[in-house]
Amino acid sequence: MLDLKRNSKYQLIEATGKRSRKSSIYTPKQTEDFKISRSKFADFLICPRCFYLDRVVGLDAPGTPGWALNEATDILYKKEFDICRKNQTPHRLFEQYGLNHFVPFQHPEIDKWRDSMHHGLSARFGNTNIMLFGGVDDVWINKETNKLIVVDYKSQSSEREITTNNYLNGIFKQGYKMQMDFYVYLLREMGFDVHPDAYFVVCNGDRTVADFNGLMKFDEYLIPYEWNTEWIHNEVINMIDCMNSNSLPESNKSCKNCAYAAQRAIKEL
């Protein structure tokens, strides 16, 4: 898609193609702390070259629009779960799934953990200068074991039957699972015990109703996911090695951004 550069007042400004914040650009072999978000880690896993051009070279790639409806359902869910958090009572969905021993987790920094722009869950990677962070949608607690439960809200509209197997086995759901793994990894690095299952709260818009009338009906599901963090350590090491290199890494042969950049360079010769 095409993307226009705007300032904080939404006024059009010149697009330079370069990042202006020095804190967003990593210098190979630097010793100062450097923050890597979950989404940037995911970028590395998808295409090391695009990741390197972003974090090390400092190129400012075109953005994508926000998902206003998804954001709205997230906000409304957070309001609901915060009421239960305050009262330490199970959410209505917990009762439907026989999970009355779950309640939203009370913690003085829960709002920071959910703030993906400025805070999030955060942990230093070993003895390195790399700080990993990511904003989680919510954290619950199993009152029987005192283990924390990582939660992610997902909004969609599909006519396909939603079960644990068919929801998690979709090709585009692999990124969802990696996202959960990353949050669990951070919580464990922060010293918390984590429940074996994370949960997706899936909000599915019903597109089969006869009339719209300004209202959309949603069906709700809790989808458990047995997380796995064993793969993360080695991939973070690979990412750090990539960042400390003085040469561009190979691109993912399926990366459309790289393919577009290559074709455009040819056409402009």
Protein backbone atom coordinates (compact mmCIF):
# COMPACT_ATOMS: atom_id res chain seq x y z
CA MET A 1 0.00 0.00 0.00
CA LEU A 2 1.01 3.64 -0.38
CA ASP A 3 1.76 5.57 2.81
CA LEU A 4 2.14 9.33 3.33
CA LYS A 5 4.37 10.82 6.03
CA ARG A 6 2.55 12.98 8.57
CA ASN A 7 3.57 14.71 11.80
CA SER A 8 1.81 14.46 15.18
CA LYS A 9 -0.79 16.97 13.95
CA TYR A 10 -1.48 14.76 10.90
CA GLN A 11 0.00 17.37 8.58
CA LEU A 12 1.84 16.10 5.52
CA ILE A 13 5.63 16.41 5.80
CA GLU A 14 8.56 15.33 3.66
CA ALA A 15 9.27 11.59 3.78
CA THR A 16 13.03 10.98 3.96
CA GLY A 17 12.91 7.20 4.17
CA LYS A 18 15.18 7.36 7.23
CA ARG A 19 14.39 7.09 10.92
CA SER A 20 15.04 10.24 12.95
CA ARG A 21 15.11 8.77 16.48
CA LYS A 22 18.61 7.61 17.29
CA SER A 23 17.26 5.25 19.98
CA SER A 24 15.59 3.24 17.18
CA ILE A 25 18.86 2.58 15.37
CA TYR A 26 21.39 -0.01 16.52
CA THR A 27 25.12 0.39 15.89
CA PRO A 28 26.91 -2.95 15.44
CA LYS A 29 28.92 -3.92 18.54
CA GLN A 30 27.42 -1.09 20.61
CA THR A 31 27.47 -1.52 24.40
CA GLU A 32 24.53 0.71 25.28
CA ASP A 33 21.22 -1.01 26.06
CA PHE A 34 18.95 -1.43 23.06
CA LYS A 35 15.28 -2.37 23.12
CA ILE A 36 13.76 -4.91 20.75
CA SER A 37 10.00 -5.33 20.71
CA ARG A 38 8.10 -8.52 20.03
CA SER A 39 7.03 -7.19 16.64
CA LYS A 40 10.62 -6.37 15.61
CA PHE A 41 11.74 -9.83 16.72
CA ALA A 42 8.96 -11.21 14.52
CA ASP A 43 10.29 -9.08 11.64
CA PHE A 44 13.69 -10.73 12.06
CA LEU A 45 12.12 -14.18 11.91
CA ILE A 46 10.23 -13.24 8.73
CA CYS A 47 13.03 -11.47 6.85
CA PRO A 48 16.48 -10.76 8.36
CA ARG A 49 17.34 -8.27 5.60
CA CYS A 50 14.25 -6.12 6.19
CA PHE A 51 14.90 -6.27 9.93
CA TYR A 52 18.55 -5.19 9.49
CA LEU A 53 17.61 -2.33 7.16
CA ASP A 54 15.11 -1.14 9.77
CA ARG A 55 17.01 -1.52 13.06
CA VAL A 56 20.64 -1.09 11.92
CA VAL A 57 20.56 0.98 8.72
CA GLY A 58 17.61 2.99 10.01
CA LEU A 59 15.33 2.85 6.98
CA ASP A 60 11.74 3.89 7.68
CA ALA A 61 9.51 1.43 5.83
CA PRO A 62 5.93 2.35 4.85
CA GLY A 63 3.44 1.60 7.59
CA THR A 64 0.08 -0.12 7.64
CA PRO A 65 -3.24 1.29 8.86
CA GLY A 66 -4.52 0.48 12.33
CA TRP A 67 -7.36 -1.96 12.89
CA ALA A 68 -9.94 0.26 14.57
CA LEU A 69 -12.60 -2.44 15.07
CA ASN A 70 -10.08 -4.87 16.55
CA GLU A 71 -8.82 -2.12 18.84
CA ALA A 72 -12.39 -1.40 19.95
CA THR A 73 -13.03 -5.01 20.97
CA ASP A 74 -9.70 -5.06 22.82
CA ILE A 75 -10.64 -1.94 24.77
CA LEU A 76 -14.07 -3.32 25.68
CA TYR A 77 -12.61 -6.65 26.81
CA LYS A 78 -10.06 -4.85 28.97
CA LYS A 79 -12.86 -2.91 30.65
CA GLU A 80 -14.72 -6.13 31.42
CA PHE A 81 -11.68 -7.98 32.73
CA ASP A 82 -10.61 -4.98 34.81
CA ILE A 83 -13.92 -5.06 36.68
CA CYS A 84 -13.27 -8.73 37.48
CA ARG A 85 -9.68 -7.87 38.40
CA LYS A 86 -10.84 -5.25 40.88
CA ASN A 87 -13.37 -7.61 42.48
CA GLN A 88 -11.21 -10.75 42.02
CA THR A 89 -14.12 -12.62 40.48
CA PRO A 90 -14.14 -14.99 37.49
CA HIS A 91 -15.10 -13.46 34.14
CA ARG A 92 -18.35 -14.74 32.58
CA LEU A 93 -16.34 -16.68 29.97
CA PHE A 94 -14.49 -18.57 32.71
CA GLU A 95 -17.74 -20.00 33.99
CA GLN A 96 -18.72 -21.21 30.49
CA TYR A 97 -15.45 -23.11 30.19
CA GLY A 98 -15.29 -24.47 33.75
CA LEU A 99 -12.44 -22.16 34.70
CA ASN A 100 -13.84 -20.59 37.85
CA HIS A 101 -10.42 -20.96 39.49
CA PHE A 102 -9.09 -18.29 37.07
CA VAL A 103 -9.26 -14.57 37.83
CA PRO A 104 -7.55 -11.59 36.19
CA PHE A 105 -4.16 -11.02 37.85
CA GLN A 106 -3.75 -8.03 40.17
CA HIS A 107 -0.36 -6.38 39.87
CA PRO A 108 0.68 -2.74 40.36
CA GLU A 109 2.27 -2.67 36.89
CA ILE A 110 -0.49 -4.46 34.94
CA ASP A 111 -1.26 -1.30 32.96
CA LYS A 112 2.42 -0.95 32.04
CA TRP A 113 2.53 -4.60 30.98
CA ARG A 114 -0.36 -3.89 28.61
CA ASP A 115 1.19 -0.70 27.21
CA SER A 116 2.94 -1.93 24.07
CA MET A 117 3.99 1.55 22.96
CA HIS A 118 5.91 2.68 26.05
CA HIS A 119 6.40 -0.21 28.47
CA GLY A 120 5.15 -3.82 28.20
CA LEU A 121 6.67 -6.92 29.76
CA SER A 122 10.44 -6.48 29.70
CA ALA A 123 13.55 -8.56 30.36
CA ARG A 124 17.24 -8.34 29.57
CA PHE A 125 18.53 -11.15 27.37
CA GLY A 126 21.20 -12.87 29.45
CA ASN A 127 24.28 -10.71 29.96
CA THR A 128 23.77 -8.77 26.74
CA ASN A 129 22.71 -5.18 26.16
CA ILE A 130 19.50 -6.33 24.46
CA MET A 131 16.24 -5.61 26.28
CA LEU A 132 13.29 -7.63 24.98
CA PHE A 133 9.79 -6.27 25.52
CA GLY A 134 6.20 -6.65 24.40
CA GLY A 135 2.78 -5.43 25.43
CA VAL A 136 0.51 -8.28 26.48
CA ASP A 137 -3.29 -8.01 26.23
CA ASP A 138 -3.89 -9.45 29.69
CA VAL A 139 -2.59 -11.74 32.42
CA TRP A 140 -4.77 -14.02 34.54
CA ILE A 141 -3.87 -16.24 37.46
CA ASN A 142 -4.79 -19.80 38.35
CA LYS A 143 -5.78 -19.52 42.03
CA GLU A 144 -5.15 -23.23 42.59
CA THR A 145 -1.50 -23.09 41.52
CA ASN A 146 -0.70 -19.34 41.64
CA LYS A 147 0.66 -19.62 38.11
CA LEU A 148 0.12 -16.78 35.66
CA ILE A 149 -1.76 -17.18 32.39
CA VAL A 150 -0.88 -15.20 29.27
CA VAL A 151 -3.88 -13.92 27.34
CA ASP A 152 -4.32 -12.44 23.89
CA TYR A 153 -7.53 -11.00 22.42
CA LYS A 154 -8.28 -11.78 18.77
CA SER A 155 -11.10 -10.38 16.67
CA GLN A 156 -12.23 -11.89 13.38
CA SER A 157 -15.23 -12.73 11.24
CA SER A 158 -15.31 -16.26 9.88
CA GLU A 159 -18.04 -18.75 9.01
CA ARG A 160 -15.69 -21.64 9.74
CA GLU A 161 -16.39 -23.62 12.90
CA ILE A 162 -14.05 -22.47 15.66
CA THR A 163 -12.38 -25.25 17.61
CA THR A 164 -8.98 -25.38 19.28
CA ASN A 165 -7.52 -27.53 16.48
CA ASN A 166 -8.78 -25.64 13.45
CA TYR A 167 -8.09 -22.27 15.03
CA LEU A 168 -4.45 -22.96 15.90
CA ASN A 169 -3.58 -24.97 12.78
CA GLY A 170 -4.16 -22.19 10.27
CA ILE A 171 -1.02 -21.02 8.46
CA PHE A 172 -1.48 -17.44 9.61
CA LYS A 173 -1.92 -18.56 13.23
CA GLN A 174 1.73 -19.57 13.54
CA GLY A 175 2.56 -15.94 14.24
CA TYR A 176 -0.12 -15.89 16.96
CA LYS A 177 1.52 -18.84 18.71
CA MET A 178 4.99 -17.32 18.44
CA GLN A 179 3.57 -14.14 19.94
CA MET A 180 2.29 -16.10 22.95
CA ASP A 181 5.60 -17.93 23.32
CA PHE A 182 7.40 -14.59 23.44
CA TYR A 183 5.14 -13.17 26.18
CA VAL A 184 5.51 -16.33 28.25
CA TYR A 185 9.29 -16.15 27.81
CA LEU A 186 9.33 -12.58 29.13
CA LEU A 187 7.15 -13.39 32.15
CA ARG A 188 9.37 -16.33 33.08
CA GLU A 189 12.50 -14.19 32.68
CA MET A 190 10.83 -11.69 35.03
CA GLY A 191 10.65 -14.42 37.67
CA PHE A 192 7.01 -15.54 37.39
CA ASP A 193 5.69 -19.09 37.20
CA VAL A 194 3.48 -19.52 34.15
CA HIS A 195 0.52 -21.86 33.58
CA PRO A 196 1.16 -24.52 30.86
CA ASP A 197 -1.61 -23.10 28.69
CA ALA A 198 -1.98 -19.58 27.38
CA TYR A 199 -5.42 -18.49 26.12
CA PHE A 200 -6.74 -16.71 23.07
CA VAL A 201 -10.01 -14.87 23.66
CA VAL A 202 -11.50 -15.10 20.19
CA CYS A 203 -14.27 -12.66 19.27
CA ASN A 204 -15.94 -13.81 16.03
CA GLY A 205 -18.31 -11.49 14.18
CA ASP A 206 -21.41 -13.28 12.88
CA ARG A 207 -21.81 -12.48 9.18
CA THR A 208 -24.78 -14.81 8.70
CA VAL A 209 -27.45 -12.70 10.43
CA ALA A 210 -30.26 -11.40 8.21
CA ASP A 211 -30.15 -7.73 9.27
CA PHE A 212 -27.39 -5.36 10.29
CA ASN A 213 -29.32 -2.46 11.93
CA GLY A 214 -26.08 -0.92 13.14
CA LEU A 215 -25.27 -3.88 15.38
CA MET A 216 -22.87 -6.77 14.97
CA LYS A 217 -23.27 -9.98 16.92
CA PHE A 218 -20.11 -11.66 18.21
CA ASP A 219 -19.60 -15.21 19.38
CA GLU A 220 -16.86 -15.69 21.97
CA TYR A 221 -14.42 -18.53 22.46
CA LEU A 222 -11.53 -19.40 24.78
CA ILE A 223 -8.84 -21.23 22.85
CA PRO A 224 -6.07 -22.82 24.98
CA TYR A 225 -2.56 -22.96 23.59
CA GLU A 226 0.24 -25.07 25.08
CA TRP A 227 3.14 -22.66 24.74
CA ASN A 228 6.72 -23.53 23.86
CA THR A 229 9.62 -21.16 24.54
CA GLU A 230 12.52 -23.50 23.81
CA TRP A 231 13.14 -22.03 20.36
CA ILE A 232 13.41 -18.40 21.47
CA HIS A 233 16.91 -18.38 23.01
CA ASN A 234 18.73 -19.48 19.86
CA GLU A 235 16.69 -17.20 17.62
CA VAL A 236 17.49 -14.17 19.79
CA ILE A 237 21.18 -15.07 19.56
CA ASN A 238 20.81 -15.25 15.77
CA MET A 239 19.10 -11.85 15.80
CA ILE A 240 21.90 -10.28 17.86
CA ASP A 241 24.51 -11.77 15.53
CA CYS A 242 22.60 -10.25 12.62
CA MET A 243 22.53 -6.82 14.31
CA ASN A 244 26.27 -6.94 15.02
CA SER A 245 27.14 -7.74 11.43
CA ASN A 246 28.52 -5.05 9.14
CA SER A 247 26.95 -6.57 6.05
CA LEU A 248 23.39 -7.06 4.85
CA PRO A 249 21.97 -10.52 5.57
CA GLU A 250 20.20 -12.59 2.95
CA SER A 251 16.54 -11.82 2.45
CA ASN A 252 13.68 -14.26 2.69
CA LYS A 253 13.06 -15.37 -0.91
CA SER A 254 9.32 -15.03 -0.25
CA CYS A 255 9.61 -11.46 1.09
CA LYS A 256 7.46 -9.19 -1.09
CA ASN A 257 9.09 -6.06 0.33
CA CYS A 258 12.53 -7.20 -0.83
CA ALA A 259 11.18 -8.30 -4.21
CA TYR A 260 9.45 -4.96 -4.72
CA ALA A 261 12.59 -3.01 -3.76
CA ALA A 262 14.69 -5.06 -6.19
CA GLN A 263 12.25 -4.64 -9.06
CA ARG A 264 11.88 -0.92 -8.44
CA ALA A 265 15.67 -0.47 -8.44
CA ILE A 266 15.83 -2.21 -11.85
CA LYS A 267 13.06 -0.06 -13.33
CA GLU A 268 14.68 3.17 -12.10
CA LEU A 269 18.06 2.42 -13.70
